């Protein structure tokens, strides 16, 4: 199965939608927006949120392509904002975990000294 960030990076949406969504990043409130978009009291982790948002966004994009009357540009932008922000959160948490796995400098120095002798 493909990584959610890879899946997300392959999305190809109109530039105007993406540019508009970038303006909403600063105002993103994870708890409020995800609860409303996912229609849930429980807020999942970023990976699960991205999967759910991708599904909703795909349905919304299909409505756009079909030129259906119930298509909402505002909702589509909100979904893209949430996807961008959740991707940032996931990337940051992965980077944080990677840093935690690196041993402290004194441990590295000790291992290097022991390897030399």
PDB file of N, CA and C in Angstrom:
ATOM      1  N   UNK A   1       0.834  -1.182   0.000  1.00  0.00           N
ATOM      2  CA  UNK A   1       0.000   0.000   0.000  1.00  0.00           C
ATOM      3  C   UNK A   1       0.885   1.253   0.000  1.00  0.00           C
ATOM      4  N   UNK A   2       0.433   2.235  -0.731  1.00  0.00           N
ATOM      5  CA  UNK A   2       1.186   3.473  -0.877  1.00  0.00           C
ATOM      6  C   UNK A   2       1.060   4.344   0.379  1.00  0.00           C
ATOM      7  N   UNK A   3       2.117   5.019   0.714  1.00  0.00           N
ATOM      8  CA  UNK A   3       2.135   5.940   1.841  1.00  0.00           C
ATOM      9  C   UNK A   3       1.144   7.076   1.581  1.00  0.00           C
ATOM     10  N   UNK A   4       0.452   7.527   2.648  1.00  0.00           N
ATOM     11  CA  UNK A   4      -0.567   8.577   2.477  1.00  0.00           C
ATOM     12  C   UNK A   4       0.028   9.874   1.944  1.00  0.00           C
ATOM     13  N   UNK A   5       1.239  10.200   2.345  1.00  0.00           N
ATOM     14  CA  UNK A   5       1.861  11.435   1.851  1.00  0.00           C
ATOM     15  C   UNK A   5       2.187  11.330   0.363  1.00  0.00           C
ATOM     16  N   UNK A   6       2.569  10.139  -0.088  1.00  0.00           N
ATOM     17  CA  UNK A   6       2.832   9.921  -1.514  1.00  0.00           C
ATOM     18  C   UNK A   6       1.533  10.048  -2.294  1.00  0.00           C
ATOM     19  N   UNK A   7       0.468   9.437  -1.772  1.00  0.00           N
ATOM     20  CA  UNK A   7      -0.844   9.539  -2.405  1.00  0.00           C
ATOM     21  C   UNK A   7      -1.265  10.994  -2.505  1.00  0.00           C
ATOM     22  N   UNK A   8      -1.085  11.725  -1.437  1.00  0.00           N
ATOM     23  CA  UNK A   8      -1.459  13.135  -1.391  1.00  0.00           C
ATOM     24  C   UNK A   8      -0.646  13.964  -2.385  1.00  0.00           C
ATOM     25  N   UNK A   9       0.630  13.650  -2.509  1.00  0.00           N
ATOM     26  CA  UNK A   9       1.492  14.421  -3.415  1.00  0.00           C
ATOM     27  C   UNK A   9       1.116  14.207  -4.880  1.00  0.00           C
ATOM     28  N   UNK A  10       0.403  13.133  -5.164  1.00  0.00           N
ATOM     29  CA  UNK A  10       0.012  12.842  -6.545  1.00  0.00           C
ATOM     30  C   UNK A  10      -1.310  13.486  -6.955  1.00  0.00           C
ATOM     31  N   UNK A  11      -1.974  14.131  -6.012  1.00  0.00           N
ATOM     32  CA  UNK A  11      -3.227  14.808  -6.356  1.00  0.00           C
ATOM     33  C   UNK A  11      -2.948  15.917  -7.358  1.00  0.00           C
ATOM     34  N   UNK A  12      -3.808  16.042  -8.329  1.00  0.00           N
ATOM     35  CA  UNK A  12      -3.658  17.088  -9.332  1.00  0.00           C
ATOM     36  C   UNK A  12      -4.966  17.859  -9.385  1.00  0.00           C
ATOM     37  N   UNK A  13      -4.974  19.010  -8.756  1.00  0.00           N
ATOM     38  CA  UNK A  13      -6.178  19.837  -8.679  1.00  0.00           C
ATOM     39  C   UNK A  13      -5.907  21.189  -9.326  1.00  0.00           C
ATOM     40  N   UNK A  14      -6.970  21.889  -9.733  1.00  0.00           N
ATOM     41  CA  UNK A  14      -6.775  23.200 -10.366  1.00  0.00           C
ATOM     42  C   UNK A  14      -5.958  24.143  -9.482  1.00  0.00           C
ATOM     43  N   UNK A  15      -5.068  24.866 -10.119  1.00  0.00           N
ATOM     44  CA  UNK A  15      -4.170  25.769  -9.393  1.00  0.00           C
ATOM     45  C   UNK A  15      -4.927  26.786  -8.553  1.00  0.00           C
ATOM     46  N   UNK A  16      -6.051  27.262  -9.060  1.00  0.00           N
ATOM     47  CA  UNK A  16      -6.822  28.264  -8.329  1.00  0.00           C
ATOM     48  C   UNK A  16      -7.341  27.696  -7.000  1.00  0.00           C
ATOM     49  N   UNK A  17      -7.794  26.449  -7.009  1.00  0.00           N
ATOM     50  CA  UNK A  17      -8.243  25.815  -5.764  1.00  0.00           C
ATOM     51  C   UNK A  17      -7.097  25.699  -4.762  1.00  0.00           C
ATOM     52  N   UNK A  18      -5.945  25.269  -5.249  1.00  0.00           N
ATOM     53  CA  UNK A  18      -4.780  25.062  -4.375  1.00  0.00           C
ATOM     54  C   UNK A  18      -4.276  26.399  -3.838  1.00  0.00           C
ATOM     55  N   UNK A  19      -4.198  27.409  -4.694  1.00  0.00           N
ATOM     56  CA  UNK A  19      -3.742  28.730  -4.243  1.00  0.00           C
ATOM     57  C   UNK A  19      -4.695  29.316  -3.206  1.00  0.00           C
ATOM     58  N   UNK A  20      -5.980  29.135  -3.437  1.00  0.00           N
ATOM     59  CA  UNK A  20      -6.971  29.634  -2.492  1.00  0.00           C
ATOM     60  C   UNK A  20      -6.839  28.903  -1.160  1.00  0.00           C
ATOM     61  N   UNK A  21      -6.627  27.606  -1.216  1.00  0.00           N
ATOM     62  CA  UNK A  21      -6.489  26.810   0.007  1.00  0.00           C
ATOM     63  C   UNK A  21      -5.274  27.249   0.822  1.00  0.00           C
ATOM     64  N   UNK A  22      -4.213  27.627   0.166  1.00  0.00           N
ATOM     65  CA  UNK A  22      -3.004  28.073   0.892  1.00  0.00           C
ATOM     66  C   UNK A  22      -3.289  29.265   1.800  1.00  0.00           C
ATOM     67  N   UNK A  23      -4.261  30.080   1.407  1.00  0.00           N
ATOM     68  CA  UNK A  23      -4.614  31.241   2.231  1.00  0.00           C
ATOM     69  C   UNK A  23      -5.317  30.829   3.525  1.00  0.00           C
ATOM     70  N   UNK A  24      -5.888  29.638   3.547  1.00  0.00           N
ATOM     71  CA  UNK A  24      -6.609  29.190   4.731  1.00  0.00           C
ATOM     72  C   UNK A  24      -5.777  28.418   5.730  1.00  0.00           C
ATOM     73  N   UNK A  25      -4.536  28.151   5.403  1.00  0.00           N
ATOM     74  CA  UNK A  25      -3.674  27.337   6.267  1.00  0.00           C
ATOM     75  C   UNK A  25      -3.490  27.962   7.648  1.00  0.00           C
ATOM     76  N   UNK A  26      -3.288  29.269   7.698  1.00  0.00           N
ATOM     77  CA  UNK A  26      -3.034  29.936   8.986  1.00  0.00           C
ATOM     78  C   UNK A  26      -4.227  29.856   9.935  1.00  0.00           C
ATOM     79  N   UNK A  27      -5.423  29.786   9.386  1.00  0.00           N
ATOM     80  CA  UNK A  27      -6.633  29.773  10.213  1.00  0.00           C
ATOM     81  C   UNK A  27      -7.119  28.367  10.548  1.00  0.00           C
ATOM     82  N   UNK A  28      -6.362  27.339  10.159  1.00  0.00           N
ATOM     83  CA  UNK A  28      -6.796  25.961  10.381  1.00  0.00           C
ATOM     84  C   UNK A  28      -6.807  25.631  11.868  1.00  0.00           C
ATOM     85  N   UNK A  29      -7.938  25.130  12.328  1.00  0.00           N
ATOM     86  CA  UNK A  29      -8.099  24.678  13.705  1.00  0.00           C
ATOM     87  C   UNK A  29      -8.446  23.194  13.626  1.00  0.00           C
ATOM     88  N   UNK A  30      -7.476  22.375  13.917  1.00  0.00           N
ATOM     89  CA  UNK A  30      -7.610  20.931  13.715  1.00  0.00           C
ATOM     90  C   UNK A  30      -8.864  20.354  14.356  1.00  0.00           C
ATOM     91  N   UNK A  31      -9.091  20.660  15.622  1.00  0.00           N
ATOM     92  CA  UNK A  31     -10.232  20.090  16.336  1.00  0.00           C
ATOM     93  C   UNK A  31     -11.550  20.524  15.696  1.00  0.00           C
ATOM     94  N   UNK A  32     -11.712  21.790  15.469  1.00  0.00           N
ATOM     95  CA  UNK A  32     -12.976  22.306  14.928  1.00  0.00           C
ATOM     96  C   UNK A  32     -13.202  21.861  13.480  1.00  0.00           C
ATOM     97  N   UNK A  33     -12.186  22.007  12.657  1.00  0.00           N
ATOM     98  CA  UNK A  33     -12.356  21.695  11.241  1.00  0.00           C
ATOM     99  C   UNK A  33     -12.541  20.201  10.988  1.00  0.00           C
ATOM    100  N   UNK A  34     -11.737  19.366  11.637  1.00  0.00           N
ATOM    101  CA  UNK A  34     -11.882  17.931  11.401  1.00  0.00           C
ATOM    102  C   UNK A  34     -13.213  17.403  11.923  1.00  0.00           C
ATOM    103  N   UNK A  35     -13.630  17.888  13.074  1.00  0.00           N
ATOM    104  CA  UNK A  35     -14.932  17.451  13.596  1.00  0.00           C
ATOM    105  C   UNK A  35     -16.041  17.772  12.611  1.00  0.00           C
ATOM    106  N   UNK A  36     -15.995  18.961  12.042  1.00  0.00           N
ATOM    107  CA  UNK A  36     -17.041  19.377  11.101  1.00  0.00           C
ATOM    108  C   UNK A  36     -16.922  18.631   9.772  1.00  0.00           C
ATOM    109  N   UNK A  37     -15.722  18.567   9.216  1.00  0.00           N
ATOM    110  CA  UNK A  37     -15.542  17.927   7.913  1.00  0.00           C
ATOM    111  C   UNK A  37     -15.798  16.426   7.958  1.00  0.00           C
ATOM    112  N   UNK A  38     -15.330  15.782   9.028  1.00  0.00           N
ATOM    113  CA  UNK A  38     -15.486  14.325   9.144  1.00  0.00           C
ATOM    114  C   UNK A  38     -16.789  13.932   9.830  1.00  0.00           C
ATOM    115  N   UNK A  39     -17.522  14.939  10.322  1.00  0.00           N
ATOM    116  CA  UNK A  39     -18.790  14.711  11.029  1.00  0.00           C
ATOM    117  C   UNK A  39     -18.609  13.692  12.149  1.00  0.00           C
ATOM    118  N   UNK A  40     -17.646  13.999  13.020  1.00  0.00           N
ATOM    119  CA  UNK A  40     -17.288  13.094  14.104  1.00  0.00           C
ATOM    120  C   UNK A  40     -16.827  13.892  15.318  1.00  0.00           C
ATOM    121  N   UNK A  41     -17.139  13.393  16.489  1.00  0.00           N
ATOM    122  CA  UNK A  41     -16.629  14.011  17.717  1.00  0.00           C
ATOM    123  C   UNK A  41     -15.174  13.606  17.952  1.00  0.00           C
ATOM    124  N   UNK A  42     -14.828  12.411  17.488  1.00  0.00           N
ATOM    125  CA  UNK A  42     -13.470  11.884  17.636  1.00  0.00           C
ATOM    126  C   UNK A  42     -12.587  12.450  16.524  1.00  0.00           C
ATOM    127  N   UNK A  43     -11.436  12.981  16.897  1.00  0.00           N
ATOM    128  CA  UNK A  43     -10.483  13.499  15.914  1.00  0.00           C
ATOM    129  C   UNK A  43      -9.367  12.472  15.769  1.00  0.00           C
ATOM    130  N   UNK A  44      -9.254  11.859  14.584  1.00  0.00           N
ATOM    131  CA  UNK A  44      -8.229  10.824  14.385  1.00  0.00           C
ATOM    132  C   UNK A  44      -6.829  11.422  14.276  1.00  0.00           C
ATOM    133  N   UNK A  45      -5.846  10.557  14.285  1.00  0.00           N
ATOM    134  CA  UNK A  45      -4.472  10.993  14.060  1.00  0.00           C
ATOM    135  C   UNK A  45      -4.333  11.513  12.640  1.00  0.00           C
ATOM    136  N   UNK A  46      -3.236  12.180  12.342  1.00  0.00           N
ATOM    137  CA  UNK A  46      -3.088  12.797  11.022  1.00  0.00           C
ATOM    138  C   UNK A  46      -3.142  11.808   9.860  1.00  0.00           C
ATOM    139  N   UNK A  47      -2.578  10.634  10.011  1.00  0.00           N
ATOM    140  CA  UNK A  47      -2.606   9.642   8.934  1.00  0.00           C
ATOM    141  C   UNK A  47      -4.020   9.199   8.615  1.00  0.00           C
ATOM    142  N   UNK A  48      -4.782   8.874   9.667  1.00  0.00           N
ATOM    143  CA  UNK A  48      -6.175   8.465   9.479  1.00  0.00           C
ATOM    144  C   UNK A  48      -7.018   9.623   8.965  1.00  0.00           C
ATOM    145  N   UNK A  49      -6.752  10.816   9.451  1.00  0.00           N
ATOM    146  CA  UNK A  49      -7.491  11.997   8.991  1.00  0.00           C
ATOM    147  C   UNK A  49      -7.251  12.215   7.500  1.00  0.00           C
ATOM    148  N   UNK A  50      -6.013  12.060   7.056  1.00  0.00           N
ATOM    149  CA  UNK A  50      -5.701  12.245   5.640  1.00  0.00           C
ATOM    150  C   UNK A  50      -6.464  11.240   4.789  1.00  0.00           C
ATOM    151  N   UNK A  51      -6.509   9.978   5.230  1.00  0.00           N
ATOM    152  CA  UNK A  51      -7.243   8.961   4.469  1.00  0.00           C
ATOM    153  C   UNK A  51      -8.722   9.326   4.333  1.00  0.00           C
ATOM    154  N   UNK A  52      -9.332   9.743   5.438  1.00  0.00           N
ATOM    155  CA  UNK A  52     -10.748  10.122   5.414  1.00  0.00           C
ATOM    156  C   UNK A  52     -10.962  11.364   4.555  1.00  0.00           C
ATOM    157  N   UNK A  53     -10.064  12.336   4.691  1.00  0.00           N
ATOM    158  CA  UNK A  53     -10.181  13.567   3.907  1.00  0.00           C
ATOM    159  C   UNK A  53      -9.974  13.312   2.414  1.00  0.00           C
ATOM    160  N   UNK A  54      -9.054  12.416   2.083  1.00  0.00           N
ATOM    161  CA  UNK A  54      -8.828  12.068   0.679  1.00  0.00           C
ATOM    162  C   UNK A  54     -10.091  11.496   0.045  1.00  0.00           C
ATOM    163  N   UNK A  55     -10.778  10.667   0.793  1.00  0.00           N
ATOM    164  CA  UNK A  55     -12.019  10.071   0.299  1.00  0.00           C
ATOM    165  C   UNK A  55     -13.078  11.154   0.053  1.00  0.00           C
ATOM    166  N   UNK A  56     -13.244  12.047   1.026  1.00  0.00           N
ATOM    167  CA  UNK A  56     -14.213  13.138   0.883  1.00  0.00           C
ATOM    168  C   UNK A  56     -13.836  14.076  -0.262  1.00  0.00           C
ATOM    169  N   UNK A  57     -12.555  14.376  -0.369  1.00  0.00           N
ATOM    170  CA  UNK A  57     -12.083  15.285  -1.410  1.00  0.00           C
ATOM    171  C   UNK A  57     -12.280  14.659  -2.786  1.00  0.00           C
ATOM    172  N   UNK A  58     -12.057  13.359  -2.917  1.00  0.00           N
ATOM    173  CA  UNK A  58     -12.248  12.681  -4.210  1.00  0.00           C
ATOM    174  C   UNK A  58     -13.718  12.749  -4.641  1.00  0.00           C
ATOM    175  N   UNK A  59     -14.623  12.553  -3.688  1.00  0.00           N
ATOM    176  CA  UNK A  59     -16.054  12.654  -4.010  1.00  0.00           C
ATOM    177  C   UNK A  59     -16.408  14.087  -4.413  1.00  0.00           C
ATOM    178  N   UNK A  60     -15.847  15.045  -3.694  1.00  0.00           N
ATOM    179  CA  UNK A  60     -16.103  16.455  -3.995  1.00  0.00           C
ATOM    180  C   UNK A  60     -15.543  16.820  -5.362  1.00  0.00           C
ATOM    181  N   UNK A  61     -14.337  16.336  -5.663  1.00  0.00           N
ATOM    182  CA  UNK A  61     -13.742  16.633  -6.959  1.00  0.00           C
ATOM    183  C   UNK A  61     -14.551  16.005  -8.086  1.00  0.00           C
ATOM    184  N   UNK A  62     -15.095  14.829  -7.855  1.00  0.00           N
ATOM    185  CA  UNK A  62     -15.931  14.195  -8.874  1.00  0.00           C
ATOM    186  C   UNK A  62     -17.192  15.017  -9.132  1.00  0.00           C
ATOM    187  N   UNK A  63     -17.756  15.594  -8.064  1.00  0.00           N
ATOM    188  CA  UNK A  63     -18.906  16.480  -8.239  1.00  0.00           C
ATOM    189  C   UNK A  63     -18.527  17.694  -9.085  1.00  0.00           C
ATOM    190  N   UNK A  64     -17.318  18.209  -8.841  1.00  0.00           N
ATOM    191  CA  UNK A  64     -16.827  19.358  -9.620  1.00  0.00           C
ATOM    192  C   UNK A  64     -16.713  18.984 -11.086  1.00  0.00           C
ATOM    193  N   UNK A  65     -16.106  17.835 -11.361  1.00  0.00           N
ATOM    194  CA  UNK A  65     -15.910  17.396 -12.738  1.00  0.00           C
ATOM    195  C   UNK A  65     -17.237  17.111 -13.442  1.00  0.00           C
ATOM    196  N   UNK A  66     -18.207  16.584 -12.675  1.00  0.00           N
ATOM    197  CA  UNK A  66     -19.536  16.293 -13.243  1.00  0.00           C
ATOM    198  C   UNK A  66     -20.413  17.532 -13.336  1.00  0.00           C
ATOM    199  N   UNK A  67     -19.894  18.662 -12.836  1.00  0.00           N
ATOM    200  CA  UNK A  67     -20.632  19.937 -12.828  1.00  0.00           C
ATOM    201  C   UNK A  67     -21.986  19.788 -12.129  1.00  0.00           C
ATOM    202  N   UNK A  68     -21.953  19.082 -10.998  1.00  0.00           N
ATOM    203  CA  UNK A  68     -23.187  18.860 -10.247  1.00  0.00           C
ATOM    204  C   UNK A  68     -23.537  20.109  -9.441  1.00  0.00           C
ATOM    205  N   UNK A  69     -24.836  20.351  -9.316  1.00  0.00           N
ATOM    206  CA  UNK A  69     -25.326  21.553  -8.636  1.00  0.00           C
ATOM    207  C   UNK A  69     -24.945  21.590  -7.167  1.00  0.00           C
ATOM    208  N   UNK A  70     -24.806  20.449  -6.522  1.00  0.00           N
ATOM    209  CA  UNK A  70     -24.498  20.433  -5.090  1.00  0.00           C
ATOM    210  C   UNK A  70     -23.005  20.617  -4.788  1.00  0.00           C
ATOM    211  N   UNK A  71     -22.190  20.755  -5.843  1.00  0.00           N
ATOM    212  CA  UNK A  71     -20.759  21.012  -5.643  1.00  0.00           C
ATOM    213  C   UNK A  71     -20.577  22.355  -4.950  1.00  0.00           C
ATOM    214  N   UNK A  72     -19.721  22.362  -3.916  1.00  0.00           N
ATOM    215  CA  UNK A  72     -19.431  23.585  -3.187  1.00  0.00           C
ATOM    216  C   UNK A  72     -17.933  23.878  -3.260  1.00  0.00           C
ATOM    217  N   UNK A  73     -17.595  24.995  -3.884  1.00  0.00           N
ATOM    218  CA  UNK A  73     -16.190  25.407  -3.974  1.00  0.00           C
ATOM    219  C   UNK A  73     -15.636  25.630  -2.571  1.00  0.00           C
ATOM    220  N   UNK A  74     -16.425  26.250  -1.708  1.00  0.00           N
ATOM    221  CA  UNK A  74     -15.969  26.538  -0.340  1.00  0.00           C
ATOM    222  C   UNK A  74     -15.620  25.247   0.395  1.00  0.00           C
ATOM    223  N   UNK A  75     -16.462  24.229   0.284  1.00  0.00           N
ATOM    224  CA  UNK A  75     -16.189  22.955   0.946  1.00  0.00           C
ATOM    225  C   UNK A  75     -14.938  22.309   0.350  1.00  0.00           C
ATOM    226  N   UNK A  76     -14.795  22.397  -0.972  1.00  0.00           N
ATOM    227  CA  UNK A  76     -13.625  21.808  -1.619  1.00  0.00           C
ATOM    228  C   UNK A  76     -12.344  22.468  -1.109  1.00  0.00           C
ATOM    229  N   UNK A  77     -12.381  23.786  -0.993  1.00  0.00           N
ATOM    230  CA  UNK A  77     -11.213  24.510  -0.475  1.00  0.00           C
ATOM    231  C   UNK A  77     -10.944  24.095   0.969  1.00  0.00           C
ATOM    232  N   UNK A  78     -11.988  23.968   1.781  1.00  0.00           N
ATOM    233  CA  UNK A  78     -11.809  23.535   3.181  1.00  0.00           C
ATOM    234  C   UNK A  78     -11.162  22.157   3.259  1.00  0.00           C
ATOM    235  N   UNK A  79     -11.572  21.251   2.388  1.00  0.00           N
ATOM    236  CA  UNK A  79     -10.983  19.909   2.375  1.00  0.00           C
ATOM    237  C   UNK A  79      -9.509  19.964   1.985  1.00  0.00           C
ATOM    238  N   UNK A  80      -9.179  20.783   1.013  1.00  0.00           N
ATOM    239  CA  UNK A  80      -7.783  20.906   0.586  1.00  0.00           C
ATOM    240  C   UNK A  80      -6.939  21.556   1.680  1.00  0.00           C
ATOM    241  N   UNK A  81      -7.482  22.559   2.354  1.00  0.00           N
ATOM    242  CA  UNK A  81      -6.774  23.182   3.488  1.00  0.00           C
ATOM    243  C   UNK A  81      -6.482  22.120   4.546  1.00  0.00           C
ATOM    244  N   UNK A  82      -7.493  21.348   4.897  1.00  0.00           N
ATOM    245  CA  UNK A  82      -7.321  20.304   5.922  1.00  0.00           C
ATOM    246  C   UNK A  82      -6.288  19.279   5.479  1.00  0.00           C
ATOM    247  N   UNK A  83      -6.311  18.884   4.216  1.00  0.00           N
ATOM    248  CA  UNK A  83      -5.314  17.925   3.715  1.00  0.00           C
ATOM    249  C   UNK A  83      -3.904  18.496   3.815  1.00  0.00           C
ATOM    250  N   UNK A  84      -3.734  19.753   3.427  1.00  0.00           N
ATOM    251  CA  UNK A  84      -2.405  20.389   3.499  1.00  0.00           C
ATOM    252  C   UNK A  84      -1.907  20.446   4.942  1.00  0.00           C
ATOM    253  N   UNK A  85      -2.781  20.843   5.837  1.00  0.00           N
ATOM    254  CA  UNK A  85      -2.383  20.990   7.242  1.00  0.00           C
ATOM    255  C   UNK A  85      -2.112  19.642   7.895  1.00  0.00           C
ATOM    256  N   UNK A  86      -2.946  18.665   7.609  1.00  0.00           N
ATOM    257  CA  UNK A  86      -2.730  17.337   8.185  1.00  0.00           C
ATOM    258  C   UNK A  86      -1.432  16.717   7.648  1.00  0.00           C
ATOM    259  N   UNK A  87      -1.123  16.984   6.388  1.00  0.00           N
ATOM    260  CA  UNK A  87       0.140  16.497   5.821  1.00  0.00           C
ATOM    261  C   UNK A  87       1.330  17.131   6.535  1.00  0.00           C
ATOM    262  N   UNK A  88       1.235  18.428   6.826  1.00  0.00           N
ATOM    263  CA  UNK A  88       2.304  19.108   7.575  1.00  0.00           C
ATOM    264  C   UNK A  88       2.465  18.513   8.966  1.00  0.00           C
ATOM    265  N   UNK A  89       1.335  18.233   9.619  1.00  0.00           N
ATOM    266  CA  UNK A  89       1.371  17.653  10.966  1.00  0.00           C
ATOM    267  C   UNK A  89       2.014  16.270  10.920  1.00  0.00           C
ATOM    268  N   UNK A  90       1.627  15.469   9.926  1.00  0.00           N
ATOM    269  CA  UNK A  90       2.186  14.117   9.798  1.00  0.00           C
ATOM    270  C   UNK A  90       3.680  14.172   9.521  1.00  0.00           C
ATOM    271  N   UNK A  91       4.103  15.049   8.625  1.00  0.00           N
ATOM    272  CA  UNK A  91       5.532  15.198   8.323  1.00  0.00           C
ATOM    273  C   UNK A  91       6.308  15.618   9.561  1.00  0.00           C
ATOM    274  N   UNK A  92       5.757  16.565  10.313  1.00  0.00           N
ATOM    275  CA  UNK A  92       6.435  17.041  11.523  1.00  0.00           C
ATOM    276  C   UNK A  92       6.533  15.940  12.568  1.00  0.00           C
ATOM    277  N   UNK A  93       5.484  15.148  12.715  1.00  0.00           N
ATOM    278  CA  UNK A  93       5.533  14.075  13.719  1.00  0.00           C
ATOM    279  C   UNK A  93       6.523  12.996  13.312  1.00  0.00           C
ATOM    280  N   UNK A  94       6.619  12.727  12.015  1.00  0.00           N
ATOM    281  CA  UNK A  94       7.606  11.741  11.538  1.00  0.00           C
ATOM    282  C   UNK A  94       9.021  12.263  11.742  1.00  0.00           C
ATOM    283  N   UNK A  95       9.238  13.533  11.474  1.00  0.00           N
ATOM    284  CA  UNK A  95      10.565  14.126  11.672  1.00  0.00           C
ATOM    285  C   UNK A  95      10.936  14.115  13.147  1.00  0.00           C
ATOM    286  N   UNK A  96       9.968  14.392  14.006  1.00  0.00           N
ATOM    287  CA  UNK A  96      10.201  14.386  15.442  1.00  0.00           C
ATOM    288  C   UNK A  96      10.583  12.983  15.924  1.00  0.00           C
ATOM    289  N   UNK A  97       9.851  11.978  15.417  1.00  0.00           N
ATOM    290  CA  UNK A  97      10.168  10.593  15.791  1.00  0.00           C
ATOM    291  C   UNK A  97      11.553  10.191  15.302  1.00  0.00           C
ATOM    292  N   UNK A  98      11.910  10.637  14.101  1.00  0.00           N
ATOM    293  CA  UNK A  98      13.232  10.314  13.553  1.00  0.00           C
ATOM    294  C   UNK A  98      14.332  10.929  14.403  1.00  0.00           C
ATOM    295  N   UNK A  99      14.115  12.156  14.878  1.00  0.00           N
ATOM    296  CA  UNK A  99      15.103  12.805  15.739  1.00  0.00           C
ATOM    297  C   UNK A  99      15.232  12.088  17.075  1.00  0.00           C
ATOM    298  N   UNK A 100      14.133  11.562  17.590  1.00  0.00           N
ATOM    299  CA  UNK A 100      14.160  10.857  18.864  1.00  0.00           C
ATOM    300  C   UNK A 100      14.929   9.544  18.754  1.00  0.00           C
ATOM    301  N   UNK A 101      14.980   8.990  17.538  1.00  0.00           N
ATOM    302  CA  UNK A 101      15.684   7.722  17.341  1.00  0.00           C
ATOM    303  C   UNK A 101      17.190   7.908  17.231  1.00  0.00           C
ATOM    304  N   UNK A 102      17.649   9.132  17.015  1.00  0.00           N
ATOM    305  CA  UNK A 102      19.086   9.405  16.927  1.00  0.00           C
ATOM    306  C   UNK A 102      19.633   9.467  18.346  1.00  0.00           C
ATOM    307  N   UNK A 103      20.645   8.667  18.634  1.00  0.00           N
ATOM    308  CA  UNK A 103      21.203   8.690  19.985  1.00  0.00           C
ATOM    309  C   UNK A 103      21.866  10.028  20.300  1.00  0.00           C
ATOM    310  N   UNK A 104      21.897  10.388  21.575  1.00  0.00           N
ATOM    311  CA  UNK A 104      22.553  11.633  21.971  1.00  0.00           C
ATOM    312  C   UNK A 104      24.035  11.607  21.592  1.00  0.00           C
ATOM    313  N   UNK A 105      24.643  12.783  21.423  1.00  0.00           N
ATOM    314  CA  UNK A 105      26.049  12.858  21.001  1.00  0.00           C
ATOM    315  C   UNK A 105      27.006  12.091  21.909  1.00  0.00           C
ATOM    316  N   UNK A 106      26.764  12.093  23.236  1.00  0.00           N
ATOM    317  CA  UNK A 106      27.693  11.390  24.127  1.00  0.00           C
ATOM    318  C   UNK A 106      27.638   9.880  23.896  1.00  0.00           C
ATOM    319  N   UNK A 107      26.504   9.346  23.498  1.00  0.00           N
ATOM    320  CA  UNK A 107      26.388   7.911  23.204  1.00  0.00           C
ATOM    321  C   UNK A 107      27.129   7.602  21.905  1.00  0.00           C
ATOM    322  N   UNK A 108      26.993   8.466  20.916  1.00  0.00           N
ATOM    323  CA  UNK A 108      27.689   8.263  19.645  1.00  0.00           C
ATOM    324  C   UNK A 108      29.191   8.300  19.866  1.00  0.00           C
ATOM    325  N   UNK A 109      29.665   9.265  20.651  1.00  0.00           N
ATOM    326  CA  UNK A 109      31.097   9.376  20.936  1.00  0.00           C
ATOM    327  C   UNK A 109      31.604   8.129  21.657  1.00  0.00           C
ATOM    328  N   UNK A 110      30.815   7.621  22.599  1.00  0.00           N
ATOM    329  CA  UNK A 110      31.201   6.426  23.343  1.00  0.00           C
ATOM    330  C   UNK A 110      31.317   5.212  22.418  1.00  0.00           C
ATOM    331  N   UNK A 111      30.374   5.081  21.524  1.00  0.00           N
ATOM    332  CA  UNK A 111      30.389   3.968  20.571  1.00  0.00           C
ATOM    333  C   UNK A 111      31.583   4.093  19.651  1.00  0.00           C
ATOM    334  N   UNK A 112      31.880   5.304  19.194  1.00  0.00           N
ATOM    335  CA  UNK A 112      33.020   5.528  18.316  1.00  0.00           C
ATOM    336  C   UNK A 112      34.331   5.212  19.030  1.00  0.00           C
ATOM    337  N   UNK A 113      34.450   5.613  20.323  1.00  0.00           N
ATOM    338  CA  UNK A 113      35.678   5.310  21.088  1.00  0.00           C
ATOM    339  C   UNK A 113      35.834   3.808  21.251  1.00  0.00           C
ATOM    340  N   UNK A 114      34.758   3.108  21.561  1.00  0.00           N
ATOM    341  CA  UNK A 114      34.815   1.667  21.746  1.00  0.00           C
ATOM    342  C   UNK A 114      35.124   0.934  20.444  1.00  0.00           C
ATOM    343  N   UNK A 115      34.701   1.485  19.314  1.00  0.00           N
ATOM    344  CA  UNK A 115      34.962   0.856  18.029  1.00  0.00           C
ATOM    345  C   UNK A 115      36.425   1.015  17.651  1.00  0.00           C
ATOM    346  N   UNK A 116      37.073   2.102  18.096  1.00  0.00           N
ATOM    347  CA  UNK A 116      38.474   2.361  17.772  1.00  0.00           C
ATOM    348  C   UNK A 116      39.388   1.450  18.572  1.00  0.00           C
ATOM    349  N   UNK A 117      39.044   1.195  19.814  1.00  0.00           N
ATOM    350  CA  UNK A 117      39.957   0.415  20.658  1.00  0.00           C
ATOM    351  C   UNK A 117      39.792  -1.063  20.511  1.00  0.00           C
TER     352      UNK A 117
END
